[in-house]
Amino acid sequence: MSTSTDAGVQAAQAFGFLLRRASLVTGIAAVVCVAVAWVWKGPSAGLSSLIGAAIVIAFFGARLVVMRKVTEKNPHMIMLTAMVVYSVKIVLLGVAMLLLIRVDGISGPALGFTVILTAVVWLAAELRGFMTMRIPVFMGGEQSK
């Protein structure tokens, strides 16, 4: 196996690990947000909170899935893919928020609060997961001549 392929496999495994960890932690935060919104403002706010959490989990999870698939095939495209996926994710998240707050029955504060809180929790879980992973900085084995 080449060094490039090894790096791609390692990166793909890392993205899978981050996806599992961030999804679990964000799912727990989403349940709390939905419960608080439901108790605070009623079923409409609870549903709005659930929609917000689902959007964040879907958008942020899709980024890691795309990154995993790309790095399996071509690990040299990680940075370009990350920049493009991030840009698309932020634009689509903004459009979704703008469209949803105009829908009758959607609680803007519950939706916004949940989106912000779950996004921060996702990023914190992803950062914590990344910090606990053991990623070799230098490739072992063959020495350059």
C-alpha atoms as a PDB file:
ATOM      1  CA  MET A   1       0.000   0.000   0.000  1.00  0.00           C
ATOM      2  CA  SER A   2       1.253   3.455  -0.748  1.00  0.00           C
ATOM      3  CA  THR A   3       1.668   6.176   1.839  1.00  0.00           C
ATOM      4  CA  SER A   4      -1.079   8.202   0.148  1.00  0.00           C
ATOM      5  CA  THR A   5      -3.529   5.315   0.436  1.00  0.00           C
ATOM      6  CA  ASP A   6      -2.581   4.746   4.083  1.00  0.00           C
ATOM      7  CA  ALA A   7      -3.229   8.407   4.842  1.00  0.00           C
ATOM      8  CA  GLY A   8      -6.607   8.221   3.086  1.00  0.00           C
ATOM      9  CA  VAL A   9      -7.659   5.166   5.086  1.00  0.00           C
ATOM     10  CA  GLN A  10      -6.559   6.787   8.356  1.00  0.00           C
ATOM     11  CA  ALA A  11      -8.429   9.989   7.543  1.00  0.00           C
ATOM     12  CA  ALA A  12     -11.573   8.061   6.540  1.00  0.00           C
ATOM     13  CA  GLN A  13     -11.487   6.159   9.840  1.00  0.00           C
ATOM     14  CA  ALA A  14     -11.021   9.438  11.712  1.00  0.00           C
ATOM     15  CA  PHE A  15     -14.044  10.998  10.004  1.00  0.00           C
ATOM     16  CA  GLY A  16     -16.113   7.934  10.902  1.00  0.00           C
ATOM     17  CA  PHE A  17     -15.056   8.201  14.549  1.00  0.00           C
ATOM     18  CA  LEU A  18     -15.864  11.916  14.647  1.00  0.00           C
ATOM     19  CA  LEU A  19     -19.261  11.314  13.045  1.00  0.00           C
ATOM     20  CA  ARG A  20     -20.228   8.697  15.638  1.00  0.00           C
ATOM     21  CA  ARG A  21     -19.054  10.775  18.595  1.00  0.00           C
ATOM     22  CA  ALA A  22     -20.545  14.084  17.490  1.00  0.00           C
ATOM     23  CA  SER A  23     -23.865  12.478  16.503  1.00  0.00           C
ATOM     24  CA  LEU A  24     -24.252  10.847  19.899  1.00  0.00           C
ATOM     25  CA  VAL A  25     -23.440  13.948  21.940  1.00  0.00           C
ATOM     26  CA  THR A  26     -25.516  16.244  19.721  1.00  0.00           C
ATOM     27  CA  GLY A  27     -28.444  13.824  19.840  1.00  0.00           C
ATOM     28  CA  ILE A  28     -28.426  14.047  23.628  1.00  0.00           C
ATOM     29  CA  ALA A  29     -28.288  17.851  23.475  1.00  0.00           C
ATOM     30  CA  ALA A  30     -31.135  17.837  20.933  1.00  0.00           C
ATOM     31  CA  VAL A  31     -33.367  15.791  23.246  1.00  0.00           C
ATOM     32  CA  VAL A  32     -32.725  18.301  26.034  1.00  0.00           C
ATOM     33  CA  CYS A  33     -33.457  21.246  23.716  1.00  0.00           C
ATOM     34  CA  VAL A  34     -36.713  19.701  22.482  1.00  0.00           C
ATOM     35  CA  ALA A  35     -37.846  18.951  26.041  1.00  0.00           C
ATOM     36  CA  VAL A  36     -37.044  22.463  27.257  1.00  0.00           C
ATOM     37  CA  ALA A  37     -38.770  24.093  24.270  1.00  0.00           C
ATOM     38  CA  TRP A  38     -41.828  21.857  24.677  1.00  0.00           C
ATOM     39  CA  VAL A  39     -42.168  22.702  28.381  1.00  0.00           C
ATOM     40  CA  TRP A  40     -41.317  26.379  27.874  1.00  0.00           C
ATOM     41  CA  LYS A  41     -43.592  27.259  24.923  1.00  0.00           C
ATOM     42  CA  GLY A  42     -45.611  24.141  24.080  1.00  0.00           C
ATOM     43  CA  PRO A  43     -45.735  21.555  21.291  1.00  0.00           C
ATOM     44  CA  SER A  44     -45.138  24.083  18.512  1.00  0.00           C
ATOM     45  CA  ALA A  45     -41.830  25.130  20.053  1.00  0.00           C
ATOM     46  CA  GLY A  46     -40.910  21.494  20.736  1.00  0.00           C
ATOM     47  CA  LEU A  47     -41.501  20.600  17.089  1.00  0.00           C
ATOM     48  CA  SER A  48     -39.552  23.667  15.956  1.00  0.00           C
ATOM     49  CA  SER A  49     -36.692  22.621  18.204  1.00  0.00           C
ATOM     50  CA  LEU A  50     -36.796  19.086  16.809  1.00  0.00           C
ATOM     51  CA  ILE A  51     -36.647  20.432  13.245  1.00  0.00           C
ATOM     52  CA  GLY A  52     -33.681  22.659  14.135  1.00  0.00           C
ATOM     53  CA  ALA A  53     -31.786  19.783  15.724  1.00  0.00           C
ATOM     54  CA  ALA A  54     -32.491  17.511  12.758  1.00  0.00           C
ATOM     55  CA  ILE A  55     -31.197  20.144  10.343  1.00  0.00           C
ATOM     56  CA  VAL A  56     -27.957  20.602  12.280  1.00  0.00           C
ATOM     57  CA  ILE A  57     -27.339  16.871  12.646  1.00  0.00           C
ATOM     58  CA  ALA A  58     -28.091  16.285   8.960  1.00  0.00           C
ATOM     59  CA  PHE A  59     -25.932  19.157   7.664  1.00  0.00           C
ATOM     60  CA  PHE A  60     -22.983  18.602   9.973  1.00  0.00           C
ATOM     61  CA  GLY A  61     -23.170  14.821   9.583  1.00  0.00           C
ATOM     62  CA  ALA A  62     -23.310  15.105   5.795  1.00  0.00           C
ATOM     63  CA  ARG A  63     -20.046  17.041   5.877  1.00  0.00           C
ATOM     64  CA  LEU A  64     -18.247  14.230   7.670  1.00  0.00           C
ATOM     65  CA  VAL A  65     -19.766  11.594   5.384  1.00  0.00           C
ATOM     66  CA  VAL A  66     -18.641  13.507   2.286  1.00  0.00           C
ATOM     67  CA  MET A  67     -15.181  14.050   3.763  1.00  0.00           C
ATOM     68  CA  ARG A  68     -14.908  10.343   4.570  1.00  0.00           C
ATOM     69  CA  LYS A  69     -15.879   9.278   1.047  1.00  0.00           C
ATOM     70  CA  VAL A  70     -13.524  11.760  -0.619  1.00  0.00           C
ATOM     71  CA  THR A  71     -10.536  10.862   1.545  1.00  0.00           C
ATOM     72  CA  GLU A  72     -11.023   7.155   0.856  1.00  0.00           C
ATOM     73  CA  LYS A  73     -10.655   7.855  -2.865  1.00  0.00           C
ATOM     74  CA  ASN A  74      -8.240  10.788  -2.973  1.00  0.00           C
ATOM     75  CA  PRO A  75      -6.660  11.966   0.310  1.00  0.00           C
ATOM     76  CA  HIS A  76      -4.982  14.898  -1.443  1.00  0.00           C
ATOM     77  CA  MET A  77      -8.397  16.547  -1.877  1.00  0.00           C
ATOM     78  CA  ILE A  78      -9.130  16.889   1.861  1.00  0.00           C
ATOM     79  CA  MET A  79      -8.557  20.647   2.146  1.00  0.00           C
ATOM     80  CA  LEU A  80     -10.393  21.605  -1.035  1.00  0.00           C
ATOM     81  CA  THR A  81     -13.304  19.355  -0.149  1.00  0.00           C
ATOM     82  CA  ALA A  82     -13.461  20.729   3.388  1.00  0.00           C
ATOM     83  CA  MET A  83     -13.626  24.322   2.132  1.00  0.00           C
ATOM     84  CA  VAL A  84     -16.309  23.601  -0.472  1.00  0.00           C
ATOM     85  CA  VAL A  85     -18.449  21.483   1.841  1.00  0.00           C
ATOM     86  CA  TYR A  86     -18.196  24.058   4.637  1.00  0.00           C
ATOM     87  CA  SER A  87     -19.258  26.887   2.336  1.00  0.00           C
ATOM     88  CA  VAL A  88     -22.196  24.935   0.938  1.00  0.00           C
ATOM     89  CA  LYS A  89     -23.239  23.822   4.433  1.00  0.00           C
ATOM     90  CA  ILE A  90     -23.307  27.375   5.821  1.00  0.00           C
ATOM     91  CA  VAL A  91     -25.250  28.765   2.853  1.00  0.00           C
ATOM     92  CA  LEU A  92     -27.818  25.938   2.955  1.00  0.00           C
ATOM     93  CA  LEU A  93     -28.199  26.239   6.726  1.00  0.00           C
ATOM     94  CA  GLY A  94     -28.869  29.958   6.375  1.00  0.00           C
ATOM     95  CA  VAL A  95     -31.399  29.403   3.584  1.00  0.00           C
ATOM     96  CA  ALA A  96     -33.156  26.700   5.601  1.00  0.00           C
ATOM     97  CA  MET A  97     -33.395  29.005   8.613  1.00  0.00           C
ATOM     98  CA  LEU A  98     -34.762  31.881   6.532  1.00  0.00           C
ATOM     99  CA  LEU A  99     -37.380  29.667   4.929  1.00  0.00           C
ATOM    100  CA  LEU A 100     -38.433  27.944   8.147  1.00  0.00           C
ATOM    101  CA  ILE A 101     -39.008  31.086  10.218  1.00  0.00           C
ATOM    102  CA  ARG A 102     -41.617  32.154   7.651  1.00  0.00           C
ATOM    103  CA  VAL A 103     -43.660  28.983   8.114  1.00  0.00           C
ATOM    104  CA  ASP A 104     -46.729  29.333  10.330  1.00  0.00           C
ATOM    105  CA  GLY A 105     -46.437  27.277  13.487  1.00  0.00           C
ATOM    106  CA  ILE A 106     -42.655  27.375  13.626  1.00  0.00           C
ATOM    107  CA  SER A 107     -41.268  29.057  16.723  1.00  0.00           C
ATOM    108  CA  GLY A 108     -38.357  31.203  15.580  1.00  0.00           C
ATOM    109  CA  PRO A 109     -36.719  31.481  19.013  1.00  0.00           C
ATOM    110  CA  ALA A 110     -36.933  27.732  19.678  1.00  0.00           C
ATOM    111  CA  LEU A 111     -35.625  26.924  16.205  1.00  0.00           C
ATOM    112  CA  GLY A 112     -32.782  29.439  16.426  1.00  0.00           C
ATOM    113  CA  PHE A 113     -31.786  28.515  19.968  1.00  0.00           C
ATOM    114  CA  THR A 114     -31.680  24.818  19.113  1.00  0.00           C
ATOM    115  CA  VAL A 115     -29.722  25.344  15.895  1.00  0.00           C
ATOM    116  CA  ILE A 116     -27.122  27.456  17.661  1.00  0.00           C
ATOM    117  CA  LEU A 117     -26.838  25.200  20.709  1.00  0.00           C
ATOM    118  CA  THR A 118     -26.666  21.923  18.777  1.00  0.00           C
ATOM    119  CA  ALA A 119     -24.152  23.385  16.309  1.00  0.00           C
ATOM    120  CA  VAL A 120     -21.898  24.451  19.183  1.00  0.00           C
ATOM    121  CA  VAL A 121     -22.296  21.057  20.872  1.00  0.00           C
ATOM    122  CA  TRP A 122     -21.523  19.261  17.580  1.00  0.00           C
ATOM    123  CA  LEU A 123     -18.381  21.313  17.030  1.00  0.00           C
ATOM    124  CA  ALA A 124     -17.245  20.863  20.645  1.00  0.00           C
ATOM    125  CA  ALA A 125     -17.784  17.085  20.422  1.00  0.00           C
ATOM    126  CA  GLU A 126     -15.961  16.951  17.112  1.00  0.00           C
ATOM    127  CA  LEU A 127     -13.071  18.990  18.523  1.00  0.00           C
ATOM    128  CA  ARG A 128     -12.900  16.833  21.642  1.00  0.00           C
ATOM    129  CA  GLY A 129     -12.967  13.693  19.508  1.00  0.00           C
ATOM    130  CA  PHE A 130     -10.203  15.025  17.283  1.00  0.00           C
ATOM    131  CA  MET A 131      -8.055  15.895  20.288  1.00  0.00           C
ATOM    132  CA  THR A 132      -8.381  12.380  21.729  1.00  0.00           C
ATOM    133  CA  MET A 133      -7.563  10.557  18.484  1.00  0.00           C
ATOM    134  CA  ARG A 134      -4.085   9.249  17.937  1.00  0.00           C
ATOM    135  CA  ILE A 135      -3.094  10.440  14.486  1.00  0.00           C
ATOM    136  CA  PRO A 136       0.525   9.832  13.492  1.00  0.00           C
ATOM    137  CA  VAL A 137       2.209  12.977  12.270  1.00  0.00           C
ATOM    138  CA  PHE A 138       5.103  11.185  10.641  1.00  0.00           C
ATOM    139  CA  MET A 139       4.674   8.079   8.540  1.00  0.00           C
ATOM    140  CA  GLY A 140       6.763   5.208   9.882  1.00  0.00           C
ATOM    141  CA  GLY A 141       8.434   2.501   7.879  1.00  0.00           C
ATOM    142  CA  GLU A 142      10.422   3.505   4.833  1.00  0.00           C
ATOM    143  CA  GLN A 143      12.952   6.265   5.260  1.00  0.00           C
ATOM    144  CA  SER A 144      13.415   8.780   2.495  1.00  0.00           C
ATOM    145  CA  LYS A 145      16.710   8.509   0.662  1.00  0.00           C
END
